[in-house]
Amino acid sequence: MDEVVLAERPAALLVAIAVVAIAVLLFLIIKVRLHAFFSLIVVSVLTGLAAGISMGDVVSVVIDGFSTTVGAVALLVGFGAVLGRLVEMTGGAQVLADKMLRRFGEDRAPLALAVASLFYAFPIFLDAGFIVMLPIIYTVARRLGGSFMLYVLPSIGAFLMMHALTPPHPGPTAAATVMGADVGMVVVVALLVGLPTWYLAGYRLALLIAKRYPNMPVPNLLGDPKDYPEDELPGFWTIIFVLLLPLGLIFFNTIFSTLEADGVVADDSIGYQLSRLIGTTSMALLITVLLAMVLLYVLPRRRRREPIGAVLENLVDDALAPVCSIILITGAGGAFGGILTETGIGQTLADGLDAVGLPVMLAGFLIAIIFRVAQGSATVAATTAGSIMAPAVAEMNLGAIPLAAVVVGICAGSITFSHVNDSGFWLIGRFCGFDTVTTLKTWTVVATAIGFMAFVLASGVYLVSS
């Protein structure tokens, strides 16, 4: 995008514009009931104009923010939705749910789902991993009854913690890189801080919040459930292979990316180039979906001599139809975040905070919160806050453990106060069937609790190791 013409605005006015814009957006969505896609686009344009972006540039900024977000999300959501529907509609989710309930028992089903989400969230991004886990959560919730919130919110807490704090997720990885921290040590400190944080703020708190929604129904975004006879169910290890394949491909990419960054392998080596082709999240999901079509759908129906082509095409169409609205809303959230970023609201506040001379842990945490609230993306918040704090941290000559603790503290700030300019807010909320207010009272509260508790524990690690 060409350089944007931006009129100067006082810092106080920029902050006021952002506050009013968020208030108007919530009013349009909650009270007026205008669709979130239209509300976000309209408010994005008006906010850009009020904040000083020229009339000739404001549409370009909106489109740039929208396209950047959709470009990152659409393939993940599309492939993830099809994979989820295949697992759901071929009986795979039924197989996993039965196995999980036999192993853990019905009373501990929310804990079992949350633990499974922890493992699944380690190498795969929140949006893609959560969408693939959804059919299993749907099936367990339908099987056991009660509120859907009881089963889904603890899993959301697990995905939030892993996405916010642990490499190879982009925010922690980028923050560690720009601050010169050892990524391996960041992983160790993140898990040391993150596991108790997940249990208390992501699991126990989620169970408490779920009690407020005793009648939350299970969404049917992946189609109506169907009970399959035993002889038509896919094998347990076939389902495990399908779900673990994208993790393996992504981990393959992570290993070679690390080796290339350390100079162990050349950037033109076959292994590194192959890892970049098949190990990116979108390509890993595409490969997995294609194999799942063969293993879960085509081969079983051939053995039973059932029709394949038209039915499979309809299954894919049915999977993609409900997520189109989600993709558009997510893109519109990215457009709103792009407008707030372009106006420099977050940078203005961060500069003022940095000048106050707060302790390094607290300053990094608060700067990350400012960028999170201002533009929505946890990855951008962690990366930007890390970049701002890097010079001050470099002068302190911190050891590996306290430096990793600073990185984790910054990442903790980046996950807090998710609201309407966060694409994940809309993505998870819509897939769970939450309205805007419910998403604020559940997703936002759990994310913020995880952020603050992780910061407190990371600060303890910093003080002990300094």
Protein backbone atom coordinates (compact mmCIF):
# COMPACT_ATOMS: atom_id res chain seq x y z
CA MET A 1 0.00 0.00 0.00
CA ASP A 2 1.23 3.52 -0.82
CA GLU A 3 2.08 5.96 1.97
CA VAL A 4 -1.07 7.10 3.74
CA VAL A 5 -1.83 10.80 4.14
CA LEU A 6 -2.48 11.28 7.85
CA ALA A 7 -3.39 14.57 9.47
CA GLU A 8 -1.83 15.31 12.86
CA ARG A 9 -4.12 14.75 15.84
CA PRO A 10 -3.33 15.36 19.54
CA ALA A 11 -2.72 12.17 21.49
CA ALA A 12 -5.68 12.80 23.79
CA LEU A 13 -7.99 13.22 20.80
CA LEU A 14 -6.77 9.96 19.23
CA VAL A 15 -7.49 8.08 22.42
CA ALA A 16 -10.95 9.66 22.67
CA ILE A 17 -11.70 8.70 19.05
CA ALA A 18 -10.71 5.09 19.74
CA VAL A 19 -12.90 4.90 22.85
CA VAL A 20 -15.90 6.39 21.04
CA ALA A 21 -15.38 4.10 18.05
CA ILE A 22 -15.42 0.98 20.24
CA ALA A 23 -18.51 2.24 22.09
CA VAL A 24 -20.34 2.93 18.80
CA LEU A 25 -19.35 -0.46 17.45
CA LEU A 26 -20.71 -2.26 20.50
CA PHE A 27 -23.91 -0.20 20.32
CA LEU A 28 -24.48 -1.08 16.66
CA ILE A 29 -23.87 -4.79 17.21
CA ILE A 30 -25.62 -5.27 20.56
CA LYS A 31 -28.46 -2.73 20.53
CA VAL A 32 -29.15 -1.94 16.87
CA ARG A 33 -28.44 -5.60 15.92
CA LEU A 34 -26.63 -4.54 12.77
CA HIS A 35 -24.58 -7.45 11.47
CA ALA A 36 -21.03 -7.41 12.86
CA PHE A 37 -19.52 -7.41 9.35
CA PHE A 38 -21.29 -4.19 8.35
CA SER A 39 -20.81 -2.60 11.78
CA LEU A 40 -17.07 -3.17 11.71
CA ILE A 41 -16.59 -1.83 8.20
CA VAL A 42 -18.73 1.28 8.78
CA VAL A 43 -17.03 2.11 12.09
CA SER A 44 -13.60 1.44 10.58
CA VAL A 45 -14.17 4.00 7.82
CA LEU A 46 -15.60 6.63 10.18
CA THR A 47 -12.81 6.10 12.72
CA GLY A 48 -10.16 6.48 10.05
CA LEU A 49 -11.65 9.76 8.85
CA ALA A 50 -12.01 11.11 12.40
CA ALA A 51 -8.44 10.15 13.28
CA GLY A 52 -6.98 12.05 10.34
CA ILE A 53 -6.68 9.56 7.49
CA SER A 54 -7.53 11.33 4.24
CA MET A 55 -10.73 10.50 2.38
CA GLY A 56 -8.68 9.20 -0.52
CA ASP A 57 -6.74 6.76 1.68
CA VAL A 58 -9.20 5.51 4.26
CA VAL A 59 -10.77 2.86 2.02
CA SER A 60 -7.31 1.57 1.07
CA VAL A 61 -6.37 1.21 4.74
CA VAL A 62 -9.60 -0.66 5.45
CA ILE A 63 -9.07 -2.99 2.48
CA ASP A 64 -5.44 -3.56 3.44
CA GLY A 65 -6.36 -4.55 7.01
CA PHE A 66 -9.22 -6.71 5.76
CA SER A 67 -7.21 -8.52 3.10
CA THR A 68 -4.22 -9.10 5.39
CA THR A 69 -6.42 -10.75 7.99
CA VAL A 70 -8.49 -12.77 5.53
CA GLY A 71 -5.33 -13.86 3.74
CA ALA A 72 -4.04 -15.35 6.97
CA VAL A 73 -7.33 -16.77 8.22
CA ALA A 74 -9.44 -17.88 5.26
CA LEU A 75 -7.39 -20.92 4.28
CA LEU A 76 -7.03 -22.05 7.89
CA VAL A 77 -10.73 -21.68 8.59
CA GLY A 78 -11.80 -23.25 5.29
CA PHE A 79 -9.52 -26.29 5.51
CA GLY A 80 -10.14 -26.63 9.26
CA ALA A 81 -13.91 -26.52 8.82
CA VAL A 82 -13.85 -29.23 6.13
CA LEU A 83 -11.56 -31.41 8.26
CA GLY A 84 -13.80 -30.90 11.26
CA ARG A 85 -16.90 -31.84 9.28
CA LEU A 86 -15.21 -34.95 7.89
CA VAL A 87 -14.26 -36.08 11.39
CA GLU A 88 -17.77 -35.30 12.65
CA MET A 89 -19.85 -36.73 9.80
CA THR A 90 -17.87 -39.96 9.28
CA GLY A 91 -18.10 -40.98 12.94
CA GLY A 92 -14.53 -40.05 13.84
CA ALA A 93 -15.59 -37.66 16.59
CA GLN A 94 -17.86 -40.40 17.96
CA VAL A 95 -14.90 -42.80 18.12
CA LEU A 96 -12.69 -40.29 19.95
CA ALA A 97 -15.46 -39.23 22.31
CA ASP A 98 -16.21 -42.84 23.28
CA LYS A 99 -12.52 -43.54 23.88
CA MET A 100 -12.04 -40.38 25.91
CA LEU A 101 -15.08 -40.98 28.10
CA ARG A 102 -14.06 -44.59 28.78
CA ARG A 103 -10.55 -43.49 29.77
CA PHE A 104 -11.32 -40.38 31.86
CA GLY A 105 -14.93 -40.91 32.87
CA GLU A 106 -17.88 -38.64 32.27
CA ASP A 107 -17.26 -36.48 35.33
CA ARG A 108 -13.81 -35.47 34.07
CA ALA A 109 -14.77 -34.89 30.43
CA PRO A 110 -14.08 -31.11 30.54
CA LEU A 111 -10.61 -31.79 31.97
CA ALA A 112 -9.93 -34.44 29.33
CA LEU A 113 -10.91 -32.04 26.54
CA ALA A 114 -8.76 -29.28 28.05
CA VAL A 115 -5.70 -31.54 28.38
CA ALA A 116 -6.14 -32.77 24.81
CA SER A 117 -6.36 -29.13 23.69
CA LEU A 118 -3.12 -28.32 25.53
CA PHE A 119 -1.23 -30.96 23.58
CA TYR A 120 -2.90 -30.07 20.30
CA ALA A 121 -2.28 -26.34 20.79
CA PHE A 122 1.47 -26.62 21.29
CA PRO A 123 2.56 -26.66 17.63
CA ILE A 124 -0.58 -25.41 15.85
CA PHE A 125 -2.10 -21.93 15.91
CA LEU A 126 -5.18 -21.25 18.00
CA ASP A 127 -7.70 -20.72 15.21
CA ALA A 128 -6.78 -23.80 13.15
CA GLY A 129 -6.31 -26.11 16.15
CA PHE A 130 -9.53 -25.07 17.83
CA ILE A 131 -11.60 -25.58 14.69
CA VAL A 132 -10.22 -29.11 14.29
CA MET A 133 -10.94 -29.88 17.98
CA LEU A 134 -14.52 -28.60 17.74
CA PRO A 135 -16.20 -31.78 16.43
CA ILE A 136 -14.80 -33.74 19.38
CA ILE A 137 -16.06 -31.08 21.81
CA TYR A 138 -19.45 -31.04 20.03
CA THR A 139 -19.77 -34.82 20.27
CA VAL A 140 -18.80 -35.05 23.95
CA ALA A 141 -21.21 -32.22 24.81
CA ARG A 142 -24.07 -33.89 22.94
CA ARG A 143 -23.30 -37.29 24.45
CA LEU A 144 -23.20 -36.11 28.06
CA GLY A 145 -25.73 -33.31 27.89
CA GLY A 146 -25.71 -30.15 29.94
CA SER A 147 -24.35 -26.81 28.85
CA PHE A 148 -22.03 -26.65 25.84
CA MET A 149 -20.11 -23.94 27.74
CA LEU A 150 -18.97 -26.53 30.30
CA TYR A 151 -17.02 -28.41 27.63
CA VAL A 152 -15.83 -25.70 25.27
CA LEU A 153 -14.61 -22.95 27.61
CA PRO A 154 -11.88 -25.04 29.35
CA SER A 155 -10.56 -25.99 25.91
CA ILE A 156 -10.55 -22.34 24.88
CA GLY A 157 -8.48 -21.59 27.99
CA ALA A 158 -5.93 -24.21 26.98
CA PHE A 159 -5.60 -22.85 23.45
CA LEU A 160 -5.35 -19.26 24.73
CA MET A 161 -2.50 -20.03 27.14
CA MET A 162 -0.44 -21.96 24.61
CA HIS A 163 -1.02 -19.40 21.85
CA ALA A 164 -0.12 -16.47 24.08
CA LEU A 165 2.97 -17.73 25.88
CA THR A 166 4.78 -20.54 24.09
CA PRO A 167 6.94 -20.67 20.97
CA PRO A 168 6.58 -21.74 18.17
CA HIS A 169 3.48 -19.52 18.21
CA PRO A 170 4.26 -16.27 16.39
CA GLY A 171 3.91 -13.70 19.18
CA PRO A 172 6.26 -15.35 21.71
CA THR A 173 8.68 -16.38 18.95
CA ALA A 174 8.86 -12.86 17.52
CA ALA A 175 9.19 -11.21 20.95
CA ALA A 176 11.98 -13.61 21.92
CA THR A 177 13.78 -12.96 18.64
CA VAL A 178 13.68 -9.16 18.74
CA MET A 179 14.80 -9.16 22.38
CA GLY A 180 17.64 -11.60 21.81
CA ALA A 181 16.27 -14.25 24.18
CA ASP A 182 17.00 -17.96 23.84
CA VAL A 183 13.83 -19.50 22.37
CA GLY A 184 14.39 -22.80 24.17
CA MET A 185 14.61 -21.02 27.53
CA VAL A 186 11.46 -19.04 26.68
CA VAL A 187 9.66 -22.36 26.11
CA VAL A 188 10.83 -23.64 29.52
CA VAL A 189 9.80 -20.48 31.39
CA ALA A 190 6.52 -20.25 29.42
CA LEU A 191 5.55 -23.79 30.43
CA LEU A 192 6.69 -23.23 34.02
CA VAL A 193 4.46 -20.15 34.17
CA GLY A 194 1.78 -21.32 31.76
CA LEU A 195 0.73 -24.69 33.18
CA PRO A 196 -0.38 -23.40 36.61
CA THR A 197 -1.85 -20.37 34.85
CA TRP A 198 -3.85 -22.65 32.56
CA TYR A 199 -5.12 -24.80 35.43
CA LEU A 200 -6.32 -21.90 37.59
CA ALA A 201 -7.21 -19.17 35.07
CA GLY A 202 -7.91 -21.28 32.00
CA TYR A 203 -9.60 -24.35 33.49
CA ARG A 204 -10.95 -23.65 36.99
CA LEU A 205 -12.12 -20.15 36.13
CA ALA A 206 -13.68 -21.48 32.92
CA LEU A 207 -15.70 -24.01 34.93
CA LEU A 208 -16.95 -21.24 37.23
CA ILE A 209 -17.98 -19.06 34.29
CA ALA A 210 -19.67 -22.02 32.58
CA LYS A 211 -22.05 -22.37 35.53
CA ARG A 212 -23.57 -19.04 34.53
CA TYR A 213 -24.69 -20.57 31.22
CA PRO A 214 -26.49 -23.78 32.23
CA ASN A 215 -28.54 -24.04 29.03
CA MET A 216 -26.02 -23.16 26.30
CA PRO A 217 -26.90 -25.37 23.29
CA VAL A 218 -24.38 -27.15 21.08
CA PRO A 219 -24.03 -25.34 17.72
CA ASN A 220 -24.64 -27.30 14.53
CA LEU A 221 -22.08 -25.59 12.33
CA LEU A 222 -20.59 -28.95 11.36
CA GLY A 223 -23.92 -30.58 10.56
CA ASP A 224 -26.46 -32.57 12.53
CA PRO A 225 -24.97 -35.49 14.47
CA LYS A 226 -25.46 -39.05 13.32
CA ASP A 227 -24.96 -42.30 15.20
CA TYR A 228 -23.05 -44.85 13.15
CA PRO A 229 -23.20 -48.61 13.61
CA GLU A 230 -20.01 -50.13 14.99
CA ASP A 231 -18.96 -51.69 11.68
CA GLU A 232 -19.12 -48.32 9.87
CA LEU A 233 -16.99 -46.36 12.34
CA PRO A 234 -13.41 -45.47 11.32
CA GLY A 235 -10.55 -46.98 13.31
CA PHE A 236 -9.30 -45.13 16.38
CA TRP A 237 -5.71 -44.97 15.11
CA THR A 238 -6.91 -43.71 11.73
CA ILE A 239 -8.52 -40.74 13.46
CA ILE A 240 -5.45 -40.18 15.61
CA PHE A 241 -3.28 -40.17 12.47
CA VAL A 242 -5.54 -37.64 10.76
CA LEU A 243 -5.49 -35.29 13.77
CA LEU A 244 -1.77 -35.61 14.46
CA LEU A 245 -0.64 -35.30 10.83
CA PRO A 246 -0.86 -31.47 10.70
CA LEU A 247 1.05 -31.27 13.99
CA GLY A 248 3.79 -33.47 12.58
CA LEU A 249 4.07 -31.44 9.38
CA ILE A 250 4.16 -28.15 11.30
CA PHE A 251 6.76 -29.54 13.71
CA PHE A 252 8.82 -30.67 10.71
CA ASN A 253 8.78 -27.07 9.46
CA THR A 254 9.67 -25.74 12.91
CA ILE A 255 12.70 -28.03 13.20
CA PHE A 256 14.13 -27.08 9.81
CA SER A 257 13.41 -23.37 10.36
CA THR A 258 15.37 -23.55 13.61
CA LEU A 259 18.23 -25.43 11.98
CA GLU A 260 18.34 -22.91 9.12
CA ALA A 261 18.34 -19.95 11.55
CA ASP A 262 21.26 -21.55 13.45
CA GLY A 263 23.19 -22.13 10.23
CA VAL A 264 23.05 -25.94 10.51
CA VAL A 265 21.26 -26.34 7.16
CA ALA A 266 21.36 -24.09 4.11
CA ASP A 267 18.28 -22.17 3.02
CA ASP A 268 18.43 -23.87 -0.39
CA SER A 269 18.61 -27.43 1.01
CA ILE A 270 15.90 -29.89 -0.02
CA GLY A 271 14.77 -30.52 3.56
CA TYR A 272 14.37 -26.83 4.37
CA GLN A 273 12.55 -26.02 1.15
CA LEU A 274 10.26 -29.04 1.57
CA SER A 275 9.47 -28.02 5.14
CA ARG A 276 8.41 -24.56 3.92
CA LEU A 277 6.13 -26.17 1.34
CA ILE A 278 4.33 -28.78 3.42
CA GLY A 279 4.91 -27.50 6.96
CA THR A 280 3.10 -24.18 6.89
CA THR A 281 -0.19 -24.39 8.78
CA SER A 282 -2.41 -23.88 5.73
CA MET A 283 -0.58 -26.47 3.59
CA ALA A 284 -0.42 -28.93 6.49
CA LEU A 285 -4.17 -28.67 6.86
CA LEU A 286 -4.74 -28.99 3.09
CA ILE A 287 -2.67 -32.18 2.93
CA THR A 288 -4.48 -33.53 5.98
CA VAL A 289 -7.92 -32.74 4.55
CA LEU A 290 -7.14 -34.50 1.27
CA LEU A 291 -5.87 -37.59 3.11
CA ALA A 292 -8.88 -37.49 5.44
CA MET A 293 -11.20 -37.50 2.43
CA VAL A 294 -9.53 -40.70 1.23
CA LEU A 295 -9.13 -42.47 4.58
CA LEU A 296 -12.39 -41.48 6.26
CA TYR A 297 -14.72 -41.14 3.31
CA VAL A 298 -13.65 -42.59 -0.04
CA LEU A 299 -12.15 -45.93 1.02
CA PRO A 300 -14.88 -46.90 3.51
CA ARG A 301 -17.61 -46.11 0.99
CA ARG A 302 -15.88 -48.03 -1.73
CA ARG A 303 -15.77 -51.05 0.53
CA ARG A 304 -19.51 -50.64 1.15
CA ARG A 305 -20.13 -49.80 -2.54
CA GLU A 306 -21.80 -46.50 -1.69
CA PRO A 307 -21.79 -43.36 -3.93
CA ILE A 308 -18.89 -41.00 -3.40
CA GLY A 309 -18.57 -38.01 -5.75
CA ALA A 310 -21.70 -35.91 -5.36
CA VAL A 311 -22.09 -36.76 -1.67
CA LEU A 312 -18.49 -35.74 -0.89
CA GLU A 313 -18.92 -32.51 -2.85
CA ASN A 314 -22.06 -31.69 -0.87
CA LEU A 315 -20.27 -32.45 2.39
CA VAL A 316 -17.53 -29.95 1.54
CA ASP A 317 -20.09 -27.34 0.44
CA ASP A 318 -22.03 -27.80 3.68
CA ALA A 319 -18.81 -27.36 5.67
CA LEU A 320 -17.79 -24.16 3.90
CA ALA A 321 -21.17 -22.42 3.82
CA PRO A 322 -21.48 -21.57 7.54
CA VAL A 323 -17.89 -20.30 7.83
CA CYS A 324 -18.13 -17.69 5.08
CA SER A 325 -19.79 -15.25 7.47
CA ILE A 326 -17.13 -15.99 10.08
CA ILE A 327 -14.34 -15.26 7.59
CA LEU A 328 -15.93 -11.94 6.58
CA ILE A 329 -16.44 -10.86 10.20
CA THR A 330 -12.87 -11.85 11.05
CA GLY A 331 -11.56 -9.85 8.10
CA ALA A 332 -13.64 -6.85 9.14
CA GLY A 333 -12.14 -7.09 12.64
CA GLY A 334 -8.72 -6.97 10.98
CA ALA A 335 -9.81 -3.86 9.06
CA PHE A 336 -10.78 -2.11 12.29
CA GLY A 337 -7.47 -3.10 13.87
CA GLY A 338 -5.64 -1.83 10.78
CA ILE A 339 -7.31 1.57 11.10
CA LEU A 340 -6.36 1.86 14.78
CA THR A 341 -2.79 0.83 13.99
CA GLU A 342 -2.44 3.28 11.10
CA THR A 343 -3.57 6.20 13.26
CA GLY A 344 -0.76 5.50 15.75
CA ILE A 345 -2.93 5.40 18.87
CA GLY A 346 -1.09 2.49 20.46
CA GLN A 347 2.35 3.89 19.64
CA THR A 348 1.48 7.27 21.17
CA LEU A 349 0.40 5.70 24.45
CA ALA A 350 3.36 3.32 24.52
CA ASP A 351 5.85 6.14 24.00
CA GLY A 352 4.39 8.04 26.94
CA LEU A 353 4.45 4.97 29.16
CA ASP A 354 8.02 4.10 28.19
CA ALA A 355 9.12 7.62 29.14
CA VAL A 356 7.81 7.24 32.69
CA GLY A 357 10.63 4.84 33.57
CA LEU A 358 8.63 1.94 35.01
CA PRO A 359 10.37 -1.35 35.95
CA VAL A 360 11.17 -3.38 32.85
CA MET A 361 8.69 -6.20 33.61
CA LEU A 362 5.79 -3.87 34.29
CA ALA A 363 6.59 -1.52 31.40
CA GLY A 364 6.72 -4.36 28.88
CA PHE A 365 3.48 -5.83 30.20
CA LEU A 366 1.59 -2.52 30.05
CA ILE A 367 2.92 -1.62 26.60
CA ALA A 368 1.75 -5.01 25.30
CA ILE A 369 -1.70 -4.38 26.82
CA ILE A 370 -1.89 -0.98 25.12
CA PHE A 371 -1.11 -2.43 21.72
CA ARG A 372 -3.48 -5.35 22.30
CA VAL A 373 -6.36 -3.01 23.16
CA ALA A 374 -5.50 -0.56 20.39
CA GLN A 375 -5.16 -2.89 17.41
CA GLY A 376 -6.40 -6.36 18.45
CA SER A 377 -3.64 -8.74 17.39
CA ALA A 378 -1.80 -10.54 20.20
CA THR A 379 1.05 -11.28 17.80
CA VAL A 380 1.46 -7.62 16.85
CA ALA A 381 1.19 -6.55 20.51
CA ALA A 382 3.91 -8.97 21.63
CA THR A 383 6.20 -8.16 18.71
CA THR A 384 5.82 -4.39 19.03
CA ALA A 385 6.20 -4.35 22.81
CA GLY A 386 9.28 -6.55 22.51
CA SER A 387 10.80 -4.18 19.96
CA ILE A 388 10.15 -1.15 22.17
CA MET A 389 11.63 -2.81 25.25
CA ALA A 390 14.61 -4.44 23.49
CA PRO A 391 17.07 -1.48 23.82
CA ALA A 392 16.39 -1.04 27.55
CA VAL A 393 16.65 -4.78 28.18
CA ALA A 394 19.91 -5.02 26.21
CA GLU A 395 21.52 -2.43 28.50
CA MET A 396 20.65 -4.51 31.57
CA ASN A 397 22.69 -7.57 30.44
CA LEU A 398 20.11 -9.97 31.82
CA GLY A 399 20.79 -13.68 32.11
CA ALA A 400 18.92 -16.25 30.02
CA ILE A 401 16.21 -16.98 32.61
CA PRO A 402 15.27 -13.39 33.60
CA LEU A 403 15.32 -12.34 29.94
CA ALA A 404 12.98 -15.22 29.10
CA ALA A 405 10.75 -14.11 31.99
CA VAL A 406 10.56 -10.59 30.52
CA VAL A 407 9.52 -12.07 27.17
CA VAL A 408 6.82 -14.19 28.84
CA GLY A 409 5.59 -11.13 30.78
CA ILE A 410 5.25 -9.16 27.56
CA CYS A 411 3.40 -12.05 25.91
CA ALA A 412 1.09 -12.21 28.94
CA GLY A 413 0.08 -8.60 28.31
CA SER A 414 -0.57 -9.35 24.65
CA ILE A 415 -3.41 -11.81 25.39
CA THR A 416 -5.43 -9.56 27.72
CA PHE A 417 -8.58 -7.51 27.03
CA SER A 418 -9.53 -9.08 23.70
CA HIS A 419 -12.49 -7.22 22.24
CA VAL A 420 -14.18 -6.27 18.98
CA ASN A 421 -11.01 -5.38 17.03
CA ASP A 422 -9.51 -8.85 17.62
CA SER A 423 -10.16 -11.29 14.77
CA GLY A 424 -9.94 -14.22 17.21
CA PHE A 425 -12.77 -12.68 19.25
CA TRP A 426 -15.12 -13.08 16.29
CA LEU A 427 -13.72 -16.38 15.06
CA ILE A 428 -14.06 -18.28 18.34
CA GLY A 429 -17.27 -16.54 19.34
CA ARG A 430 -19.06 -17.41 16.12
CA PHE A 431 -17.86 -21.03 16.03
CA CYS A 432 -19.09 -21.46 19.61
CA GLY A 433 -22.44 -19.84 18.88
CA PHE A 434 -21.79 -16.96 21.31
CA ASP A 435 -23.28 -13.52 20.84
CA THR A 436 -21.05 -10.48 21.34
CA VAL A 437 -21.90 -9.96 25.02
CA THR A 438 -21.36 -13.64 25.82
CA THR A 439 -17.99 -13.59 24.05
CA LEU A 440 -16.93 -10.59 26.15
CA LYS A 441 -18.04 -12.34 29.36
CA THR A 442 -16.30 -15.62 28.55
CA TRP A 443 -13.45 -15.48 26.00
CA THR A 444 -12.33 -12.00 27.08
CA VAL A 445 -12.50 -12.72 30.80
CA VAL A 446 -10.56 -16.00 30.54
CA ALA A 447 -7.93 -14.44 28.25
CA THR A 448 -7.46 -11.48 30.60
CA ALA A 449 -7.22 -13.71 33.67
CA ILE A 450 -4.59 -15.84 31.91
CA GLY A 451 -2.63 -12.71 31.00
CA PHE A 452 -2.56 -11.23 34.49
CA MET A 453 -1.78 -14.48 36.28
CA ALA A 454 0.98 -15.32 33.80
CA PHE A 455 2.48 -11.86 34.36
CA VAL A 456 2.49 -12.32 38.14
CA LEU A 457 4.19 -15.71 37.89
CA ALA A 458 6.67 -14.48 35.26
CA SER A 459 7.53 -11.56 37.55
CA GLY A 460 8.25 -14.06 40.32
CA VAL A 461 10.60 -15.98 38.04
CA TYR A 462 12.29 -12.71 37.07
CA LEU A 463 12.83 -11.63 40.69
CA VAL A 464 14.12 -15.03 41.81
CA SER A 465 16.52 -15.46 38.86
CA SER A 466 17.86 -11.89 38.65
